[in-house]
Amino acid sequence: MIGKIIHETRKKRGLTLSELAKKAEISKSYLSNIEREINDNPSIQVLEKLSKVLGVDMSTLLGKNVDTELHLEKEWVILLKELKELGIEIEKFHEYKTVFDFLKWQNNIGNS
C-alpha cells in the first residue's frame, strides 16, 4: 500500500524514479523495491525523506490522508499548504486572527 501511494504521488509530481531517489538521497533500486512493494516496510527516515521531496505529510504516504478524513474542500487544503510554505506555524496562527477580524470588519463597512 505504501509503495503504491509513493508511486502515484511521484507520478502526480512529474518525477521519475531516478529523480525522486536522487532528491531523497536513497538508491534508485531501493525506491523501486518500495514502489513495487518488494520492501513493504521502509524506515521512518526514508519515509521522512520521501514525504519532504514529494511535498506531502508522512500520514499521506502511510495511507492516512488527512484531507479526505477531514472532508476539507480542496481550496482550504491548498490555502493551508500555502500558509505552511510561508512559514506560518499552526501554534502561532491565532496571532493572525486579529488581521482576519480586521479584514472582515473592513468588508462589512464597505458593504454597508
N, C-alpha and C. Protein backbone atom coordinates (compact mmCIF):
# COMPACT_ATOMS: atom_id res chain seq x y z
N MET A 1 0.82 -1.20 0.00
CA MET A 1 0.00 0.00 0.00
C MET A 1 0.87 1.26 0.00
N ILE A 2 1.90 1.30 0.84
CA ILE A 2 2.79 2.46 0.89
C ILE A 2 3.46 2.66 -0.46
N GLY A 3 3.92 1.57 -1.06
CA GLY A 3 4.60 1.66 -2.35
C GLY A 3 3.71 2.23 -3.43
N LYS A 4 2.46 1.81 -3.44
CA LYS A 4 1.51 2.31 -4.44
C LYS A 4 1.28 3.80 -4.25
N ILE A 5 1.15 4.23 -3.02
CA ILE A 5 0.93 5.65 -2.73
C ILE A 5 2.13 6.48 -3.15
N ILE A 6 3.33 5.99 -2.84
CA ILE A 6 4.55 6.70 -3.23
C ILE A 6 4.63 6.79 -4.75
N HIS A 7 4.35 5.68 -5.42
CA HIS A 7 4.39 5.65 -6.89
C HIS A 7 3.41 6.66 -7.49
N GLU A 8 2.17 6.64 -7.01
CA GLU A 8 1.14 7.55 -7.55
C GLU A 8 1.49 9.01 -7.26
N THR A 9 1.99 9.27 -6.07
CA THR A 9 2.36 10.65 -5.71
C THR A 9 3.53 11.13 -6.55
N ARG A 10 4.50 10.26 -6.76
CA ARG A 10 5.66 10.59 -7.60
C ARG A 10 5.21 10.94 -9.01
N LYS A 11 4.31 10.14 -9.56
CA LYS A 11 3.81 10.39 -10.91
C LYS A 11 3.05 11.71 -10.98
N LYS A 12 2.23 12.00 -9.95
CA LYS A 12 1.49 13.26 -9.91
C LYS A 12 2.43 14.46 -9.88
N ARG A 13 3.58 14.29 -9.25
CA ARG A 13 4.56 15.37 -9.14
C ARG A 13 5.44 15.47 -10.38
N GLY A 14 5.27 14.52 -11.30
CA GLY A 14 6.04 14.53 -12.54
C GLY A 14 7.50 14.15 -12.36
N LEU A 15 7.77 13.33 -11.36
CA LEU A 15 9.14 12.91 -11.09
C LEU A 15 9.37 11.49 -11.60
N THR A 16 10.56 11.27 -12.12
CA THR A 16 10.95 9.91 -12.47
C THR A 16 11.44 9.21 -11.21
N LEU A 17 11.59 7.91 -11.32
CA LEU A 17 12.12 7.13 -10.21
C LEU A 17 13.51 7.63 -9.84
N SER A 18 14.33 7.87 -10.86
CA SER A 18 15.70 8.36 -10.64
C SER A 18 15.72 9.72 -9.96
N GLU A 19 14.85 10.63 -10.40
CA GLU A 19 14.81 11.98 -9.82
C GLU A 19 14.42 11.94 -8.35
N LEU A 20 13.38 11.18 -8.03
CA LEU A 20 12.93 11.10 -6.64
C LEU A 20 14.00 10.46 -5.77
N ALA A 21 14.61 9.39 -6.26
CA ALA A 21 15.66 8.72 -5.49
C ALA A 21 16.82 9.67 -5.21
N LYS A 22 17.22 10.41 -6.22
CA LYS A 22 18.34 11.35 -6.06
C LYS A 22 18.00 12.45 -5.06
N LYS A 23 16.83 13.05 -5.21
CA LYS A 23 16.42 14.13 -4.32
C LYS A 23 16.22 13.66 -2.88
N ALA A 24 15.76 12.42 -2.72
CA ALA A 24 15.53 11.87 -1.38
C ALA A 24 16.80 11.23 -0.81
N GLU A 25 17.83 11.18 -1.63
CA GLU A 25 19.12 10.62 -1.22
C GLU A 25 19.00 9.16 -0.78
N ILE A 26 18.27 8.39 -1.61
CA ILE A 26 18.20 6.94 -1.42
C ILE A 26 18.50 6.30 -2.77
N SER A 27 18.83 5.04 -2.77
CA SER A 27 19.18 4.39 -4.03
C SER A 27 17.91 4.16 -4.87
N LYS A 28 18.13 4.20 -6.18
CA LYS A 28 17.02 4.00 -7.12
C LYS A 28 16.45 2.59 -6.95
N SER A 29 17.31 1.61 -6.76
CA SER A 29 16.83 0.23 -6.61
C SER A 29 16.00 0.06 -5.34
N TYR A 30 16.41 0.75 -4.25
CA TYR A 30 15.65 0.67 -3.00
C TYR A 30 14.27 1.30 -3.19
N LEU A 31 14.24 2.46 -3.85
CA LEU A 31 12.96 3.12 -4.11
C LEU A 31 12.08 2.24 -5.00
N SER A 32 12.66 1.65 -6.00
CA SER A 32 11.91 0.76 -6.88
C SER A 32 11.33 -0.41 -6.10
N ASN A 33 12.11 -0.97 -5.19
CA ASN A 33 11.62 -2.07 -4.36
C ASN A 33 10.47 -1.64 -3.45
N ILE A 34 10.54 -0.40 -2.97
CA ILE A 34 9.45 0.12 -2.13
C ILE A 34 8.18 0.27 -2.98
N GLU A 35 8.33 0.91 -4.15
CA GLU A 35 7.17 1.13 -5.01
C GLU A 35 6.53 -0.17 -5.48
N ARG A 36 7.35 -1.18 -5.75
CA ARG A 36 6.83 -2.47 -6.20
C ARG A 36 6.42 -3.35 -5.03
N GLU A 37 6.57 -2.81 -3.83
CA GLU A 37 6.19 -3.45 -2.57
C GLU A 37 6.94 -4.75 -2.31
N ILE A 38 8.17 -4.80 -2.87
CA ILE A 38 9.08 -5.88 -2.51
C ILE A 38 9.59 -5.60 -1.09
N ASN A 39 9.87 -4.32 -0.84
CA ASN A 39 10.17 -3.86 0.52
C ASN A 39 8.95 -3.08 0.97
N ASP A 40 8.11 -3.70 1.77
CA ASP A 40 6.87 -3.06 2.19
C ASP A 40 6.94 -2.45 3.58
N ASN A 41 8.16 -2.30 4.08
CA ASN A 41 8.33 -1.74 5.42
C ASN A 41 9.53 -0.79 5.46
N PRO A 42 9.48 0.31 4.68
CA PRO A 42 10.62 1.24 4.70
C PRO A 42 10.73 1.93 6.05
N SER A 43 11.94 2.37 6.38
CA SER A 43 12.17 3.03 7.67
C SER A 43 11.48 4.39 7.72
N ILE A 44 11.30 4.86 8.92
CA ILE A 44 10.71 6.20 9.15
C ILE A 44 11.60 7.26 8.49
N GLN A 45 12.91 7.09 8.59
CA GLN A 45 13.83 8.06 8.00
C GLN A 45 13.63 8.16 6.48
N VAL A 46 13.45 7.02 5.83
CA VAL A 46 13.23 7.01 4.38
C VAL A 46 11.89 7.65 4.06
N LEU A 47 10.86 7.33 4.83
CA LEU A 47 9.54 7.94 4.59
C LEU A 47 9.59 9.45 4.80
N GLU A 48 10.36 9.90 5.78
CA GLU A 48 10.50 11.35 6.01
C GLU A 48 11.15 12.02 4.80
N LYS A 49 12.20 11.41 4.27
CA LYS A 49 12.88 11.96 3.10
C LYS A 49 11.92 12.02 1.90
N LEU A 50 11.21 10.93 1.68
CA LEU A 50 10.29 10.88 0.54
C LEU A 50 9.15 11.88 0.70
N SER A 51 8.59 11.97 1.90
CA SER A 51 7.48 12.91 2.10
C SER A 51 7.93 14.35 1.90
N LYS A 52 9.14 14.65 2.32
CA LYS A 52 9.67 16.01 2.14
C LYS A 52 9.82 16.35 0.67
N VAL A 53 10.43 15.44 -0.10
CA VAL A 53 10.63 15.68 -1.53
C VAL A 53 9.30 15.72 -2.27
N LEU A 54 8.37 14.86 -1.90
CA LEU A 54 7.08 14.81 -2.58
C LEU A 54 6.12 15.91 -2.12
N GLY A 55 6.46 16.57 -1.01
CA GLY A 55 5.63 17.67 -0.53
C GLY A 55 4.33 17.21 0.10
N VAL A 56 4.37 16.05 0.76
CA VAL A 56 3.19 15.53 1.45
C VAL A 56 3.56 15.15 2.87
N ASP A 57 2.55 15.05 3.72
CA ASP A 57 2.78 14.59 5.09
C ASP A 57 3.06 13.09 5.07
N MET A 58 3.77 12.63 6.07
CA MET A 58 4.04 11.20 6.17
C MET A 58 2.75 10.41 6.30
N SER A 59 1.75 11.00 6.94
CA SER A 59 0.47 10.29 7.09
C SER A 59 -0.14 9.97 5.73
N THR A 60 0.10 10.81 4.74
CA THR A 60 -0.39 10.56 3.39
C THR A 60 0.28 9.32 2.81
N LEU A 61 1.60 9.23 3.00
CA LEU A 61 2.33 8.07 2.49
C LEU A 61 1.90 6.79 3.20
N LEU A 62 1.48 6.92 4.43
CA LEU A 62 1.04 5.76 5.19
C LEU A 62 -0.41 5.38 4.90
N GLY A 63 -1.05 6.15 4.01
CA GLY A 63 -2.42 5.83 3.64
C GLY A 63 -3.47 6.46 4.52
N LYS A 64 -3.05 7.42 5.33
CA LYS A 64 -4.00 8.10 6.21
C LYS A 64 -4.10 9.55 5.72
N ASN A 65 -4.83 9.72 4.65
CA ASN A 65 -4.94 11.02 4.02
C ASN A 65 -5.81 11.94 4.87
N VAL A 66 -5.17 12.88 5.51
CA VAL A 66 -5.85 13.81 6.41
C VAL A 66 -6.88 14.62 5.65
N ASP A 67 -6.58 14.99 4.41
CA ASP A 67 -7.50 15.81 3.63
C ASP A 67 -8.86 15.13 3.49
N THR A 68 -8.87 13.86 3.15
CA THR A 68 -10.15 13.19 2.94
C THR A 68 -10.79 12.82 4.26
N GLU A 69 -9.99 12.53 5.28
CA GLU A 69 -10.57 12.19 6.57
C GLU A 69 -11.32 13.36 7.17
N LEU A 70 -10.84 14.56 6.94
CA LEU A 70 -11.49 15.75 7.48
C LEU A 70 -12.52 16.32 6.51
N HIS A 71 -12.58 15.77 5.32
CA HIS A 71 -13.52 16.24 4.30
C HIS A 71 -13.37 17.74 4.04
N LEU A 72 -12.12 18.18 3.93
CA LEU A 72 -11.87 19.58 3.65
C LEU A 72 -12.03 19.86 2.16
N GLU A 73 -12.56 21.03 1.86
CA GLU A 73 -12.66 21.43 0.47
C GLU A 73 -11.26 21.67 -0.06
N LYS A 74 -11.07 21.38 -1.34
CA LYS A 74 -9.75 21.46 -1.96
C LYS A 74 -9.12 22.85 -1.77
N GLU A 75 -9.93 23.90 -1.88
CA GLU A 75 -9.41 25.26 -1.75
C GLU A 75 -8.81 25.50 -0.36
N TRP A 76 -9.43 24.94 0.67
CA TRP A 76 -8.92 25.10 2.03
C TRP A 76 -7.60 24.35 2.20
N VAL A 77 -7.52 23.18 1.61
CA VAL A 77 -6.29 22.40 1.70
C VAL A 77 -5.15 23.15 1.03
N ILE A 78 -5.42 23.72 -0.14
CA ILE A 78 -4.40 24.50 -0.86
C ILE A 78 -3.97 25.70 -0.03
N LEU A 79 -4.94 26.41 0.54
CA LEU A 79 -4.64 27.57 1.38
C LEU A 79 -3.76 27.17 2.56
N LEU A 80 -4.12 26.10 3.23
CA LEU A 80 -3.34 25.66 4.39
C LEU A 80 -1.92 25.28 4.00
N LYS A 81 -1.76 24.64 2.86
CA LYS A 81 -0.42 24.28 2.39
C LYS A 81 0.39 25.52 2.07
N GLU A 82 -0.25 26.53 1.47
CA GLU A 82 0.44 27.79 1.16
C GLU A 82 0.88 28.49 2.44
N LEU A 83 0.01 28.51 3.45
CA LEU A 83 0.37 29.12 4.73
C LEU A 83 1.57 28.40 5.36
N LYS A 84 1.56 27.10 5.26
CA LYS A 84 2.66 26.30 5.80
C LYS A 84 3.95 26.63 5.07
N GLU A 85 3.88 26.74 3.73
CA GLU A 85 5.06 27.09 2.94
C GLU A 85 5.59 28.47 3.28
N LEU A 86 4.69 29.37 3.69
CA LEU A 86 5.10 30.72 4.08
C LEU A 86 5.75 30.75 5.46
N GLY A 87 5.70 29.62 6.15
CA GLY A 87 6.33 29.54 7.46
C GLY A 87 5.40 29.88 8.62
N ILE A 88 4.11 29.92 8.34
CA ILE A 88 3.15 30.21 9.40
C ILE A 88 2.87 28.92 10.15
N GLU A 89 3.31 28.89 11.40
CA GLU A 89 3.15 27.69 12.21
C GLU A 89 1.76 27.67 12.83
N ILE A 90 1.24 26.48 12.95
CA ILE A 90 -0.13 26.33 13.47
C ILE A 90 -0.26 26.89 14.88
N GLU A 91 0.82 26.78 15.66
CA GLU A 91 0.79 27.28 17.04
C GLU A 91 0.64 28.80 17.09
N LYS A 92 1.11 29.48 16.06
CA LYS A 92 1.07 30.94 16.04
C LYS A 92 -0.07 31.49 15.18
N PHE A 93 -0.85 30.59 14.61
CA PHE A 93 -1.91 31.03 13.70
C PHE A 93 -2.91 31.94 14.39
N HIS A 94 -3.20 31.70 15.67
CA HIS A 94 -4.18 32.53 16.38
C HIS A 94 -3.76 33.99 16.42
N GLU A 95 -2.45 34.25 16.30
CA GLU A 95 -1.97 35.63 16.29
C GLU A 95 -2.45 36.38 15.04
N TYR A 96 -2.71 35.64 13.97
CA TYR A 96 -3.16 36.27 12.73
C TYR A 96 -4.67 36.50 12.73
N LYS A 97 -5.36 35.98 13.71
CA LYS A 97 -6.81 36.13 13.78
C LYS A 97 -7.21 37.60 13.82
N THR A 98 -6.43 38.42 14.49
CA THR A 98 -6.71 39.85 14.56
C THR A 98 -6.76 40.46 13.16
N VAL A 99 -5.84 40.06 12.31
CA VAL A 99 -5.81 40.57 10.93
C VAL A 99 -7.09 40.15 10.20
N PHE A 100 -7.49 38.89 10.36
CA PHE A 100 -8.70 38.41 9.70
C PHE A 100 -9.94 39.12 10.24
N ASP A 101 -9.98 39.36 11.54
CA ASP A 101 -11.10 40.10 12.13
C ASP A 101 -11.18 41.51 11.55
N PHE A 102 -10.02 42.15 11.38
CA PHE A 102 -9.99 43.50 10.81
C PHE A 102 -10.50 43.47 9.36
N LEU A 103 -10.03 42.52 8.57
CA LEU A 103 -10.47 42.43 7.18
C LEU A 103 -11.97 42.18 7.09
N LYS A 104 -12.49 41.35 7.97
CA LYS A 104 -13.92 41.08 8.00
C LYS A 104 -14.69 42.36 8.34
N TRP A 105 -14.21 43.09 9.34
CA TRP A 105 -14.83 44.36 9.75
C TRP A 105 -14.79 45.35 8.59
N GLN A 106 -13.64 45.42 7.91
CA GLN A 106 -13.48 46.35 6.80
C GLN A 106 -14.44 46.00 5.66
N ASN A 107 -14.61 44.73 5.38
CA ASN A 107 -15.56 44.29 4.32
C ASN A 107 -16.99 44.64 4.72
N ASN A 108 -17.34 44.50 5.99
CA ASN A 108 -18.68 44.82 6.44
C ASN A 108 -18.97 46.31 6.30
N ILE A 109 -17.98 47.17 6.57
CA ILE A 109 -18.15 48.61 6.41
C ILE A 109 -18.34 48.96 4.94
N GLY A 110 -17.53 48.32 4.07
CA GLY A 110 -17.61 48.57 2.64
C GLY A 110 -18.92 48.12 2.03
N ASN A 111 -19.56 47.14 2.63
CA ASN A 111 -20.82 46.62 2.13
C ASN A 111 -22.04 47.34 2.71
N SER A 112 -21.81 48.25 3.64
CA SER A 112 -22.94 48.95 4.29
C SER A 112 -23.46 50.08 3.45
